């Protein structure tokens, strides 16, 4: 049987660890300590879950300072109960935890938004990322050429 949103039965890939029960979930959140935890809550035949999975997997390999968990919400009765406790109505649903507390959640399969949220939250949580971010100007202050940077000439000025 082929599953659309990743391997089936779920197997750990890259830096992704699958959660099969509430105990697994709590143990993984506890073990993460000060690290940011990203939980991908998906379902087996969810098209958007399939679409975002390669991005989730790639980022898990690129970011060893973040714990990546995956909960296949319809895998078994335990995962269905856990999904219900986490108040999952739609998938893909991403929940971000730090020091055992949920700090953010994101619903949808937009890879750009997912990366943006992940980068922002990682920078808040990880001191090394925070240092690197402090040494760079935020994008809104970056030097971007505009129409006002050009030197005025007589033809372009108001009389």
C-alpha atoms as a PDB file:
ATOM      1  CA  UNK A   1       0.000   0.000   0.000  1.00  0.00           C
ATOM      2  CA  UNK A   2       1.455   3.355  -1.022  1.00  0.00           C
ATOM      3  CA  UNK A   3       0.954   6.357   1.174  1.00  0.00           C
ATOM      4  CA  UNK A   4       0.821   9.806  -0.264  1.00  0.00           C
ATOM      5  CA  UNK A   5       2.302  11.877   2.572  1.00  0.00           C
ATOM      6  CA  UNK A   6       5.469   9.896   3.241  1.00  0.00           C
ATOM      7  CA  UNK A   7       6.556   6.366   4.031  1.00  0.00           C
ATOM      8  CA  UNK A   8       4.045   3.866   5.338  1.00  0.00           C
ATOM      9  CA  UNK A   9       4.260   2.482   7.854  1.00  0.00           C
ATOM     10  CA  UNK A  10       5.944   5.665   9.102  1.00  0.00           C
ATOM     11  CA  UNK A  11       9.687   5.377   9.542  1.00  0.00           C
ATOM     12  CA  UNK A  12      12.141   7.928  10.849  1.00  0.00           C
ATOM     13  CA  UNK A  13      13.853   9.714   7.960  1.00  0.00           C
ATOM     14  CA  UNK A  14      16.600  12.282   8.172  1.00  0.00           C
ATOM     15  CA  UNK A  15      15.973  14.207  11.364  1.00  0.00           C
ATOM     16  CA  UNK A  16      12.233  13.354  11.485  1.00  0.00           C
ATOM     17  CA  UNK A  17      10.993  11.190  14.341  1.00  0.00           C
ATOM     18  CA  UNK A  18       7.508   9.704  14.126  1.00  0.00           C
ATOM     19  CA  UNK A  19       5.129   9.841  17.056  1.00  0.00           C
ATOM     20  CA  UNK A  20       2.793   6.885  17.601  1.00  0.00           C
ATOM     21  CA  UNK A  21       1.158   7.789  20.935  1.00  0.00           C
ATOM     22  CA  UNK A  22       0.753  10.503  23.531  1.00  0.00           C
ATOM     23  CA  UNK A  23       3.619   8.932  25.492  1.00  0.00           C
ATOM     24  CA  UNK A  24       5.916   9.162  22.447  1.00  0.00           C
ATOM     25  CA  UNK A  25       4.867  12.768  21.949  1.00  0.00           C
ATOM     26  CA  UNK A  26       5.481  13.778  25.573  1.00  0.00           C
ATOM     27  CA  UNK A  27       8.808  11.927  25.675  1.00  0.00           C
ATOM     28  CA  UNK A  28      10.016  13.662  22.498  1.00  0.00           C
ATOM     29  CA  UNK A  29       8.940  17.119  23.716  1.00  0.00           C
ATOM     30  CA  UNK A  30      10.688  16.458  27.054  1.00  0.00           C
ATOM     31  CA  UNK A  31      13.862  15.158  25.381  1.00  0.00           C
ATOM     32  CA  UNK A  32      14.142  18.269  23.199  1.00  0.00           C
ATOM     33  CA  UNK A  33      14.991  20.410  26.228  1.00  0.00           C
ATOM     34  CA  UNK A  34      15.779  23.945  25.012  1.00  0.00           C
ATOM     35  CA  UNK A  35      15.551  23.061  21.327  1.00  0.00           C
ATOM     36  CA  UNK A  36      12.688  24.205  19.149  1.00  0.00           C
ATOM     37  CA  UNK A  37      10.308  21.346  18.307  1.00  0.00           C
ATOM     38  CA  UNK A  38       8.267  21.313  15.093  1.00  0.00           C
ATOM     39  CA  UNK A  39       5.421  18.816  14.875  1.00  0.00           C
ATOM     40  CA  UNK A  40       3.943  18.016  11.461  1.00  0.00           C
ATOM     41  CA  UNK A  41       0.450  16.643  12.010  1.00  0.00           C
ATOM     42  CA  UNK A  42      -0.799  15.042   8.813  1.00  0.00           C
ATOM     43  CA  UNK A  43      -3.069  12.329   7.461  1.00  0.00           C
ATOM     44  CA  UNK A  44      -2.263   9.477   5.105  1.00  0.00           C
ATOM     45  CA  UNK A  45      -4.214  10.581   2.058  1.00  0.00           C
ATOM     46  CA  UNK A  46      -4.010  14.348   2.498  1.00  0.00           C
ATOM     47  CA  UNK A  47      -2.920  16.014  -0.771  1.00  0.00           C
ATOM     48  CA  UNK A  48      -1.524  19.192   0.843  1.00  0.00           C
ATOM     49  CA  UNK A  49       0.375  17.010   3.361  1.00  0.00           C
ATOM     50  CA  UNK A  50       2.014  15.260   0.417  1.00  0.00           C
ATOM     51  CA  UNK A  51       2.919  18.584  -1.138  1.00  0.00           C
ATOM     52  CA  UNK A  52       4.706  20.008   1.936  1.00  0.00           C
ATOM     53  CA  UNK A  53       6.395  16.784   3.104  1.00  0.00           C
ATOM     54  CA  UNK A  54       9.550  17.156   0.920  1.00  0.00           C
ATOM     55  CA  UNK A  55      10.107  20.664   2.334  1.00  0.00           C
ATOM     56  CA  UNK A  56       9.628  19.410   5.902  1.00  0.00           C
ATOM     57  CA  UNK A  57      12.069  16.552   5.275  1.00  0.00           C
ATOM     58  CA  UNK A  58      14.681  18.806   3.637  1.00  0.00           C
ATOM     59  CA  UNK A  59      14.543  21.333   6.478  1.00  0.00           C
ATOM     60  CA  UNK A  60      14.844  18.535   9.030  1.00  0.00           C
ATOM     61  CA  UNK A  61      18.154  17.569   7.448  1.00  0.00           C
ATOM     62  CA  UNK A  62      19.389  21.172   7.209  1.00  0.00           C
ATOM     63  CA  UNK A  63      18.499  22.143  10.791  1.00  0.00           C
ATOM     64  CA  UNK A  64      19.969  19.706  13.333  1.00  0.00           C
ATOM     65  CA  UNK A  65      19.378  22.284  16.089  1.00  0.00           C
ATOM     66  CA  UNK A  66      15.603  21.759  15.720  1.00  0.00           C
ATOM     67  CA  UNK A  67      13.649  18.623  16.668  1.00  0.00           C
ATOM     68  CA  UNK A  68      11.254  17.522  13.912  1.00  0.00           C
ATOM     69  CA  UNK A  69       8.347  15.264  14.860  1.00  0.00           C
ATOM     70  CA  UNK A  70       5.682  13.803  12.622  1.00  0.00           C
ATOM     71  CA  UNK A  71       2.290  12.613  13.768  1.00  0.00           C
ATOM     72  CA  UNK A  72       0.289  10.624  11.240  1.00  0.00           C
ATOM     73  CA  UNK A  73      -3.089  11.457  12.763  1.00  0.00           C
ATOM     74  CA  UNK A  74      -4.966   8.553  11.223  1.00  0.00           C
ATOM     75  CA  UNK A  75      -2.305   5.857  11.720  1.00  0.00           C
ATOM     76  CA  UNK A  76      -3.925   4.119  14.705  1.00  0.00           C
ATOM     77  CA  UNK A  77      -6.314   4.744  17.574  1.00  0.00           C
ATOM     78  CA  UNK A  78      -3.563   6.324  19.730  1.00  0.00           C
ATOM     79  CA  UNK A  79      -2.628   8.840  17.045  1.00  0.00           C
ATOM     80  CA  UNK A  80      -6.311   9.666  16.485  1.00  0.00           C
ATOM     81  CA  UNK A  81      -6.740  10.352  20.226  1.00  0.00           C
ATOM     82  CA  UNK A  82      -3.582  12.477  20.304  1.00  0.00           C
ATOM     83  CA  UNK A  83      -4.735  14.463  17.259  1.00  0.00           C
ATOM     84  CA  UNK A  84      -7.998  15.115  19.043  1.00  0.00           C
ATOM     85  CA  UNK A  85      -6.207  16.252  22.215  1.00  0.00           C
ATOM     86  CA  UNK A  86      -4.060  18.600  20.126  1.00  0.00           C
ATOM     87  CA  UNK A  87      -7.298  19.999  18.645  1.00  0.00           C
ATOM     88  CA  UNK A  88      -6.413  19.161  15.054  1.00  0.00           C
ATOM     89  CA  UNK A  89      -9.272  19.925  12.697  1.00  0.00           C
ATOM     90  CA  UNK A  90      -7.423  20.183   9.399  1.00  0.00           C
ATOM     91  CA  UNK A  91      -4.070  19.098   8.041  1.00  0.00           C
ATOM     92  CA  UNK A  92      -1.269  19.747   7.448  1.00  0.00           C
ATOM     93  CA  UNK A  93      -1.003  21.409  10.811  1.00  0.00           C
ATOM     94  CA  UNK A  94       2.360  22.460  12.203  1.00  0.00           C
ATOM     95  CA  UNK A  95       2.818  23.087  15.900  1.00  0.00           C
ATOM     96  CA  UNK A  96       5.931  24.651  17.371  1.00  0.00           C
ATOM     97  CA  UNK A  97       7.027  23.946  20.944  1.00  0.00           C
ATOM     98  CA  UNK A  98       9.778  25.318  23.142  1.00  0.00           C
ATOM     99  CA  UNK A  99      10.499  24.090  26.661  1.00  0.00           C
ATOM    100  CA  UNK A 100       7.352  21.913  26.539  1.00  0.00           C
ATOM    101  CA  UNK A 101       5.082  24.853  25.692  1.00  0.00           C
ATOM    102  CA  UNK A 102       3.284  25.379  22.402  1.00  0.00           C
ATOM    103  CA  UNK A 103       4.436  28.757  21.101  1.00  0.00           C
ATOM    104  CA  UNK A 104       2.949  28.842  17.609  1.00  0.00           C
ATOM    105  CA  UNK A 105       0.876  26.855  15.144  1.00  0.00           C
ATOM    106  CA  UNK A 106       0.512  27.081  11.400  1.00  0.00           C
ATOM    107  CA  UNK A 107      -2.090  25.480   9.169  1.00  0.00           C
ATOM    108  CA  UNK A 108      -1.474  24.885   5.481  1.00  0.00           C
ATOM    109  CA  UNK A 109       0.936  23.626   2.867  1.00  0.00           C
ATOM    110  CA  UNK A 110       2.724  26.809   1.819  1.00  0.00           C
ATOM    111  CA  UNK A 111       6.478  25.973   1.871  1.00  0.00           C
ATOM    112  CA  UNK A 112       7.539  29.635   1.832  1.00  0.00           C
ATOM    113  CA  UNK A 113       5.368  30.543   4.820  1.00  0.00           C
ATOM    114  CA  UNK A 114       6.456  27.408   6.663  1.00  0.00           C
ATOM    115  CA  UNK A 115      10.154  28.260   6.152  1.00  0.00           C
ATOM    116  CA  UNK A 116       9.531  31.866   7.224  1.00  0.00           C
ATOM    117  CA  UNK A 117       7.803  30.806  10.445  1.00  0.00           C
ATOM    118  CA  UNK A 118      10.470  28.199  11.165  1.00  0.00           C
ATOM    119  CA  UNK A 119      13.326  30.680  10.610  1.00  0.00           C
ATOM    120  CA  UNK A 120      11.640  33.328  12.765  1.00  0.00           C
ATOM    121  CA  UNK A 121      10.959  30.947  15.647  1.00  0.00           C
ATOM    122  CA  UNK A 122      14.390  29.337  15.440  1.00  0.00           C
ATOM    123  CA  UNK A 123      15.992  32.775  15.679  1.00  0.00           C
ATOM    124  CA  UNK A 124      13.948  33.531  18.812  1.00  0.00           C
ATOM    125  CA  UNK A 125      14.803  30.249  20.515  1.00  0.00           C
ATOM    126  CA  UNK A 126      18.372  29.438  19.414  1.00  0.00           C
ATOM    127  CA  UNK A 127      21.027  31.811  20.848  1.00  0.00           C
ATOM    128  CA  UNK A 128      23.441  31.139  17.959  1.00  0.00           C
ATOM    129  CA  UNK A 129      20.766  31.980  15.401  1.00  0.00           C
ATOM    130  CA  UNK A 130      19.868  35.088  17.398  1.00  0.00           C
ATOM    131  CA  UNK A 131      23.508  36.282  17.285  1.00  0.00           C
ATOM    132  CA  UNK A 132      23.675  35.740  13.533  1.00  0.00           C
ATOM    133  CA  UNK A 133      20.382  37.579  13.060  1.00  0.00           C
ATOM    134  CA  UNK A 134      21.536  40.552  15.185  1.00  0.00           C
ATOM    135  CA  UNK A 135      24.530  41.030  12.889  1.00  0.00           C
ATOM    136  CA  UNK A 136      22.293  41.454   9.848  1.00  0.00           C
ATOM    137  CA  UNK A 137      19.935  44.259   8.956  1.00  0.00           C
ATOM    138  CA  UNK A 138      16.294  43.237   8.813  1.00  0.00           C
ATOM    139  CA  UNK A 139      15.020  42.997   5.252  1.00  0.00           C
ATOM    140  CA  UNK A 140      12.808  46.065   5.674  1.00  0.00           C
ATOM    141  CA  UNK A 141      15.952  48.183   6.286  1.00  0.00           C
ATOM    142  CA  UNK A 142      18.029  46.659   3.509  1.00  0.00           C
ATOM    143  CA  UNK A 143      19.256  48.932   0.757  1.00  0.00           C
ATOM    144  CA  UNK A 144      16.726  48.393  -1.992  1.00  0.00           C
ATOM    145  CA  UNK A 145      16.856  50.774  -4.960  1.00  0.00           C
ATOM    146  CA  UNK A 146      13.749  52.848  -5.442  1.00  0.00           C
ATOM    147  CA  UNK A 147      12.537  55.602  -7.720  1.00  0.00           C
ATOM    148  CA  UNK A 148      13.626  58.148  -5.113  1.00  0.00           C
ATOM    149  CA  UNK A 149      17.285  57.066  -5.271  1.00  0.00           C
ATOM    150  CA  UNK A 150      17.736  58.428  -8.782  1.00  0.00           C
ATOM    151  CA  UNK A 151      19.206  61.908  -9.097  1.00  0.00           C
ATOM    152  CA  UNK A 152      16.553  64.381 -10.188  1.00  0.00           C
ATOM    153  CA  UNK A 153      16.871  66.066 -13.551  1.00  0.00           C
ATOM    154  CA  UNK A 154      15.010  69.026 -14.884  1.00  0.00           C
ATOM    155  CA  UNK A 155      12.663  66.903 -17.010  1.00  0.00           C
ATOM    156  CA  UNK A 156      11.488  64.809 -14.057  1.00  0.00           C
ATOM    157  CA  UNK A 157      10.807  67.644 -11.635  1.00  0.00           C
ATOM    158  CA  UNK A 158       7.512  69.387 -11.055  1.00  0.00           C
ATOM    159  CA  UNK A 159       7.434  72.997 -12.134  1.00  0.00           C
END
